[in-house]
């Protein structure tokens, strides 16, 4: 349960990436969010349920 006020978004919520960071390991390329989501530097995610979210960086168009 999130101790923050207001509470962080749930791990299943569309805005789950807005949860606060509890642990950050940029040298390893990941962060642990308050809602239990592991967020990777390539924008992929590992949810507490074990489900994965594919990287979803915005596509940069040709100039």
N, C-alpha and C. Protein backbone atom coordinates (compact mmCIF):
# COMPACT_ATOMS: atom_id res chain seq x y z
N UNK A 1 0.84 -1.19 0.00
CA UNK A 1 0.00 0.00 0.00
C UNK A 1 0.89 1.26 0.00
N UNK A 2 0.55 2.18 -0.83
CA UNK A 2 1.33 3.41 -0.96
C UNK A 2 1.10 4.34 0.24
N UNK A 3 2.19 4.80 0.88
CA UNK A 3 2.04 5.70 2.02
C UNK A 3 1.94 7.18 1.63
N UNK A 4 2.03 7.49 0.34
CA UNK A 4 2.03 8.88 -0.09
C UNK A 4 0.63 9.48 -0.12
N UNK A 5 0.56 10.78 0.03
CA UNK A 5 -0.71 11.50 -0.02
C UNK A 5 -0.55 12.65 -1.00
N UNK A 6 -1.22 12.61 -2.14
CA UNK A 6 -2.16 11.59 -2.60
C UNK A 6 -1.42 10.31 -2.98
N UNK A 7 -2.15 9.21 -2.95
CA UNK A 7 -1.56 7.90 -3.24
C UNK A 7 -1.06 7.82 -4.68
N UNK A 8 0.00 7.07 -4.89
CA UNK A 8 0.54 6.85 -6.23
C UNK A 8 -0.42 5.99 -7.04
N UNK A 9 -0.39 6.11 -8.36
CA UNK A 9 -1.25 5.27 -9.20
C UNK A 9 -0.94 3.79 -9.00
N UNK A 10 -1.95 2.96 -9.06
CA UNK A 10 -1.82 1.52 -8.94
C UNK A 10 -0.98 0.97 -10.09
N UNK A 11 -0.38 -0.19 -9.89
CA UNK A 11 0.46 -0.82 -10.91
C UNK A 11 -0.31 -1.16 -12.18
N UNK A 12 -1.61 -1.33 -12.08
CA UNK A 12 -2.43 -1.66 -13.25
C UNK A 12 -3.04 -0.43 -13.92
N UNK A 13 -2.83 0.75 -13.33
CA UNK A 13 -3.40 1.99 -13.87
C UNK A 13 -2.62 2.44 -15.10
N UNK A 14 -3.29 3.09 -16.05
CA UNK A 14 -2.60 3.58 -17.25
C UNK A 14 -1.47 4.56 -16.95
N UNK A 15 -1.59 5.30 -15.85
CA UNK A 15 -0.56 6.29 -15.49
C UNK A 15 0.40 5.76 -14.41
N UNK A 16 0.61 4.44 -14.37
CA UNK A 16 1.44 3.79 -13.35
C UNK A 16 2.86 4.35 -13.27
N UNK A 17 3.38 4.89 -14.36
CA UNK A 17 4.75 5.42 -14.38
C UNK A 17 4.89 6.71 -13.57
N UNK A 18 3.78 7.30 -13.15
CA UNK A 18 3.82 8.53 -12.36
C UNK A 18 4.04 8.27 -10.87
N UNK A 19 4.11 6.98 -10.46
CA UNK A 19 4.37 6.65 -9.07
C UNK A 19 5.77 7.13 -8.69
N UNK A 20 5.97 7.38 -7.42
CA UNK A 20 7.27 7.86 -6.95
C UNK A 20 8.32 6.76 -6.99
N UNK A 21 9.56 7.16 -7.21
CA UNK A 21 10.68 6.23 -7.27
C UNK A 21 11.14 5.90 -5.86
N UNK A 22 11.25 4.58 -5.56
CA UNK A 22 11.76 4.14 -4.26
C UNK A 22 13.24 3.80 -4.35
N UNK A 23 13.66 3.22 -5.46
CA UNK A 23 15.07 2.86 -5.65
C UNK A 23 15.42 3.12 -7.11
N UNK A 24 16.57 3.73 -7.31
CA UNK A 24 17.00 4.08 -8.66
C UNK A 24 18.41 3.52 -8.88
N UNK A 25 18.57 2.74 -9.95
CA UNK A 25 19.86 2.15 -10.27
C UNK A 25 20.18 2.43 -11.74
N UNK A 26 20.53 3.67 -12.07
CA UNK A 26 20.80 4.03 -13.47
C UNK A 26 21.97 3.25 -14.06
N UNK A 27 22.92 2.83 -13.22
CA UNK A 27 24.05 2.05 -13.73
C UNK A 27 23.60 0.67 -14.21
N UNK A 28 22.45 0.21 -13.70
CA UNK A 28 21.90 -1.07 -14.12
C UNK A 28 20.70 -0.89 -15.05
N UNK A 29 20.22 0.35 -15.18
CA UNK A 29 19.15 0.65 -16.13
C UNK A 29 17.73 0.41 -15.64
N UNK A 30 17.50 0.48 -14.32
CA UNK A 30 16.14 0.28 -13.83
C UNK A 30 15.88 1.09 -12.57
N UNK A 31 14.57 1.27 -12.29
CA UNK A 31 14.10 1.93 -11.08
C UNK A 31 12.91 1.17 -10.54
N UNK A 32 12.76 1.15 -9.22
CA UNK A 32 11.60 0.55 -8.58
C UNK A 32 10.66 1.66 -8.14
N UNK A 33 9.42 1.58 -8.58
CA UNK A 33 8.43 2.58 -8.24
C UNK A 33 7.63 2.16 -7.01
N UNK A 34 6.99 3.10 -6.36
CA UNK A 34 6.22 2.87 -5.14
C UNK A 34 5.12 1.82 -5.32
N UNK A 35 4.60 1.71 -6.53
CA UNK A 35 3.51 0.77 -6.78
C UNK A 35 4.02 -0.63 -7.13
N UNK A 36 5.33 -0.86 -7.02
CA UNK A 36 5.90 -2.17 -7.27
C UNK A 36 6.34 -2.41 -8.69
N UNK A 37 6.17 -1.43 -9.56
CA UNK A 37 6.58 -1.55 -10.96
C UNK A 37 8.08 -1.33 -11.07
N UNK A 38 8.75 -2.21 -11.83
CA UNK A 38 10.15 -1.99 -12.17
C UNK A 38 10.15 -1.35 -13.55
N UNK A 39 10.69 -0.14 -13.62
CA UNK A 39 10.72 0.64 -14.84
C UNK A 39 12.15 0.61 -15.39
N UNK A 40 12.29 0.17 -16.64
CA UNK A 40 13.61 0.06 -17.27
C UNK A 40 13.89 1.30 -18.11
N UNK A 41 15.18 1.57 -18.33
CA UNK A 41 15.57 2.79 -19.05
C UNK A 41 15.06 2.81 -20.49
N UNK A 42 14.76 1.66 -21.07
CA UNK A 42 14.22 1.63 -22.43
C UNK A 42 12.70 1.81 -22.44
N UNK A 43 12.11 2.14 -21.29
CA UNK A 43 10.68 2.36 -21.04
C UNK A 43 9.88 1.07 -20.96
N UNK A 44 10.53 -0.07 -20.96
CA UNK A 44 9.84 -1.32 -20.68
C UNK A 44 9.52 -1.38 -19.19
N UNK A 45 8.57 -2.24 -18.82
CA UNK A 45 8.16 -2.32 -17.43
C UNK A 45 7.92 -3.77 -17.04
N UNK A 46 8.15 -4.06 -15.77
CA UNK A 46 7.81 -5.35 -15.17
C UNK A 46 6.84 -5.05 -14.05
N UNK A 47 5.62 -5.57 -14.16
CA UNK A 47 4.58 -5.31 -13.17
C UNK A 47 4.70 -6.30 -12.01
N UNK A 48 4.17 -5.97 -10.84
CA UNK A 48 4.24 -6.88 -9.70
C UNK A 48 3.60 -8.24 -9.98
N UNK A 49 2.65 -8.29 -10.88
CA UNK A 49 1.99 -9.55 -11.23
C UNK A 49 2.88 -10.45 -12.08
N UNK A 50 4.01 -9.92 -12.56
CA UNK A 50 4.90 -10.66 -13.44
C UNK A 50 4.67 -10.34 -14.91
N UNK A 51 3.62 -9.59 -15.20
CA UNK A 51 3.34 -9.17 -16.57
C UNK A 51 4.40 -8.17 -17.02
N UNK A 52 4.64 -8.13 -18.32
CA UNK A 52 5.61 -7.18 -18.87
C UNK A 52 4.91 -6.21 -19.81
N UNK A 53 5.46 -5.03 -19.88
CA UNK A 53 5.02 -4.00 -20.81
C UNK A 53 6.21 -3.72 -21.72
N UNK A 54 6.00 -3.87 -23.02
CA UNK A 54 7.06 -3.63 -23.99
C UNK A 54 7.51 -2.17 -23.95
N UNK A 55 8.77 -1.90 -24.30
CA UNK A 55 9.23 -0.51 -24.39
C UNK A 55 8.31 0.31 -25.29
N UNK A 56 8.07 1.54 -24.88
CA UNK A 56 7.13 2.39 -25.62
C UNK A 56 7.65 3.81 -25.76
N UNK A 57 8.91 3.92 -26.15
CA UNK A 57 9.48 5.24 -26.42
C UNK A 57 8.75 5.84 -27.62
N UNK A 58 8.60 7.15 -27.61
CA UNK A 58 7.98 7.78 -28.79
C UNK A 58 8.89 7.62 -30.01
N UNK A 59 8.28 7.44 -31.15
CA UNK A 59 9.01 7.32 -32.40
C UNK A 59 9.33 8.70 -32.92
N UNK A 60 10.60 8.96 -33.18
CA UNK A 60 11.03 10.26 -33.69
C UNK A 60 11.01 10.20 -35.21
N UNK A 61 10.25 11.11 -35.83
CA UNK A 61 10.15 11.11 -37.30
C UNK A 61 11.37 11.74 -37.94
N UNK A 62 11.53 11.47 -39.21
CA UNK A 62 12.64 12.06 -39.96
C UNK A 62 12.40 13.55 -40.13
N UNK A 63 13.46 14.31 -40.04
CA UNK A 63 13.33 15.77 -40.15
C UNK A 63 13.34 16.21 -41.58
